[in-house]
Amino acid sequence: MKIGLRFCLSWLLSSLVMFALFYLWHGVFLNDFKRIQFPLFWFQVFAAFTYLLFGIALYFIFESHLLKKIKNVFLRGVVAGLSLGFTAFMVASIVNISLTRHLSVQHLMIDCIWQMVEQIIGAMVIVALKLLIYEPQPERI
C-alpha cells in the first residue's frame, strides 16, 4: 500500500463524511448532545480525533491482505464498513460510551445498525476515491 494522494484524500474525506453523519445522527436527529456532562467543544474535538482514527482504520481494513481477496471493490467496502462499524459499536458498548442512559435492546440494535451504515458510507468514499484517483504502481524487477 502506497501512502500518497489517494490515501490522504480517502482518509480525510471518509473521516469528514463519517463525522458529519455522526453529528447529524446524534446532534440533530437524536438531540443527544444536550445530555453531555462536559463542554460541547471538547466533545467535538475528541469526536473529531476519533473519526480521524476511524478513517485511517477503515482505509487499512479496506486495503488489508484478507479483504484484497474480494475483487469487487464495492463489496470489499461494505465488508470493511460492516466490520469497523460493528467493532466500534461493540467497543463503545463494552466501555459504556453512550449518550443515553437506560438503553433498550431495540435502541442498541438501531445504534449498531446506524454505526455500521455510517462506516459503510465512509468506506464508499474510499471506494469512490480509489476508483477516481490514479496512482501508478512501480514496476517490480
Protein backbone atom coordinates (compact mmCIF):
# COMPACT_ATOMS: atom_id res chain seq x y z
CA MET A 1 0.00 0.00 0.00
CA LYS A 2 1.30 3.39 -1.01
CA ILE A 3 0.79 6.41 1.22
CA GLY A 4 0.06 9.13 -1.29
CA LEU A 5 -2.71 11.37 -2.54
CA ARG A 6 -5.24 8.52 -2.72
CA PHE A 7 -4.59 7.54 0.89
CA CYS A 8 -4.63 11.09 2.27
CA LEU A 9 -7.79 12.19 0.47
CA SER A 10 -9.58 8.90 1.19
CA TRP A 11 -8.67 9.04 4.86
CA LEU A 12 -9.60 12.67 5.39
CA LEU A 13 -12.78 12.72 3.30
CA SER A 14 -14.11 9.45 4.72
CA SER A 15 -13.39 10.74 8.24
CA LEU A 16 -15.16 14.00 7.47
CA VAL A 17 -18.21 12.25 5.99
CA MET A 18 -18.46 9.81 8.91
CA PHE A 19 -18.09 12.66 11.43
CA ALA A 20 -20.80 14.65 9.65
CA LEU A 21 -23.12 11.62 9.72
CA PHE A 22 -22.33 11.10 13.42
CA TYR A 23 -23.09 14.76 14.12
CA LEU A 24 -26.30 14.63 12.12
CA TRP A 25 -27.48 11.44 13.89
CA HIS A 26 -26.56 12.33 17.47
CA GLY A 27 -26.62 16.12 17.34
CA VAL A 28 -29.62 16.83 15.14
CA PHE A 29 -31.80 13.75 14.81
CA LEU A 30 -31.47 12.28 18.34
CA ASN A 31 -30.51 15.57 20.00
CA ASP A 32 -28.14 13.65 22.32
CA PHE A 33 -25.64 16.48 22.71
CA LYS A 34 -27.85 18.14 25.34
CA ARG A 35 -27.04 15.27 27.71
CA ILE A 36 -23.27 15.68 27.58
CA GLN A 37 -21.83 16.35 31.03
CA PHE A 38 -18.75 18.34 29.90
CA PRO A 39 -18.21 21.21 27.42
CA LEU A 40 -19.54 20.50 23.94
CA PHE A 41 -16.38 21.92 22.38
CA TRP A 42 -14.19 19.22 23.99
CA PHE A 43 -16.67 16.54 23.00
CA GLN A 44 -16.49 17.72 19.39
CA VAL A 45 -12.67 17.78 19.45
CA PHE A 46 -12.48 14.25 20.89
CA ALA A 47 -15.10 13.02 18.41
CA ALA A 48 -13.17 14.57 15.50
CA PHE A 49 -9.97 12.79 16.55
CA THR A 50 -11.93 9.55 16.99
CA TYR A 51 -13.29 9.83 13.47
CA LEU A 52 -9.82 10.54 12.09
CA LEU A 53 -8.79 7.24 13.68
CA PHE A 54 -11.88 5.54 12.25
CA GLY A 55 -10.99 6.85 8.79
CA ILE A 56 -7.44 5.54 8.90
CA ALA A 57 -8.58 2.21 10.36
CA LEU A 58 -11.20 1.90 7.65
CA TYR A 59 -8.64 2.52 4.92
CA PHE A 60 -6.25 -0.08 6.37
CA ILE A 61 -9.04 -2.63 6.72
CA PHE A 62 -10.14 -1.94 3.14
CA GLU A 63 -6.57 -2.42 1.89
CA SER A 64 -5.79 -5.45 4.08
CA HIS A 65 -4.50 -8.66 2.51
CA LEU A 66 -7.56 -10.54 3.73
CA LEU A 67 -10.04 -8.17 2.08
CA LYS A 68 -7.96 -7.85 -1.08
CA LYS A 69 -9.18 -11.37 -1.85
CA ILE A 70 -12.56 -9.76 -2.54
CA LYS A 71 -12.14 -8.46 -6.09
CA ASN A 72 -15.31 -6.35 -6.16
CA VAL A 73 -14.27 -3.06 -4.54
CA PHE A 74 -17.86 -2.16 -3.59
CA LEU A 75 -18.34 -5.44 -1.75
CA ARG A 76 -14.93 -5.00 -0.14
CA GLY A 77 -16.02 -1.54 1.03
CA VAL A 78 -19.23 -2.94 2.50
CA VAL A 79 -17.33 -5.67 4.35
CA ALA A 80 -14.75 -3.16 5.65
CA GLY A 81 -17.51 -0.79 6.80
CA LEU A 82 -19.52 -3.55 8.44
CA SER A 83 -16.52 -4.89 10.30
CA LEU A 84 -15.34 -1.48 11.57
CA GLY A 85 -18.88 -0.34 12.38
CA PHE A 86 -19.67 -3.46 14.38
CA THR A 87 -16.30 -3.32 16.15
CA ALA A 88 -16.76 0.35 17.05
CA PHE A 89 -20.26 -0.37 18.34
CA MET A 90 -19.03 -3.29 20.44
CA VAL A 91 -16.16 -1.29 21.95
CA ALA A 92 -18.47 1.63 22.73
CA SER A 93 -20.98 -0.78 24.31
CA ILE A 94 -18.37 -2.61 26.37
CA VAL A 95 -16.85 0.54 27.84
CA ASN A 96 -20.35 2.01 28.20
CA ILE A 97 -19.78 5.02 25.97
CA SER A 98 -23.27 6.17 25.26
CA LEU A 99 -25.05 9.45 25.13
CA THR A 100 -28.21 7.88 26.50
CA ARG A 101 -28.93 6.05 29.73
CA HIS A 102 -31.20 3.03 30.08
CA LEU A 103 -30.81 1.63 26.59
CA SER A 104 -33.35 -0.90 25.37
CA VAL A 105 -32.44 -3.79 23.09
CA GLN A 106 -34.25 -2.02 20.27
CA HIS A 107 -32.19 1.14 20.81
CA LEU A 108 -28.97 -0.91 20.88
CA MET A 109 -29.87 -2.62 17.60
CA ILE A 110 -30.72 0.67 15.91
CA ASP A 111 -27.48 2.18 17.20
CA CYS A 112 -25.49 -0.83 15.94
CA ILE A 113 -27.12 -0.67 12.51
CA TRP A 114 -26.53 3.08 12.30
CA GLN A 115 -22.87 2.68 13.24
CA MET A 116 -22.41 0.07 10.50
CA VAL A 117 -24.26 2.21 7.92
CA GLU A 118 -22.11 5.19 8.86
CA GLN A 119 -18.91 3.21 8.38
CA ILE A 120 -20.16 1.68 5.10
CA ILE A 121 -20.81 5.18 3.75
CA GLY A 122 -17.28 6.14 4.83
CA ALA A 123 -15.98 3.06 3.02
CA MET A 124 -17.87 4.06 -0.13
CA VAL A 125 -15.99 7.38 -0.05
CA ILE A 126 -12.77 5.36 -0.01
CA VAL A 127 -14.03 3.19 -2.88
CA ALA A 128 -15.00 6.24 -4.94
CA LEU A 129 -11.63 7.90 -4.46
CA LYS A 130 -9.81 4.63 -5.14
CA LEU A 131 -11.59 4.48 -8.48
CA LEU A 132 -11.19 8.19 -9.29
CA ILE A 133 -7.58 8.82 -8.23
CA TYR A 134 -4.99 7.06 -10.35
CA GLU A 135 -1.71 6.19 -8.69
CA PRO A 136 0.66 4.26 -10.91
CA GLN A 137 2.32 1.27 -9.28
CA PRO A 138 6.08 1.00 -9.67
CA GLU A 139 7.29 -1.92 -11.77
CA ARG A 140 8.84 -4.82 -9.90
CA ILE A 141 12.09 -6.12 -11.22
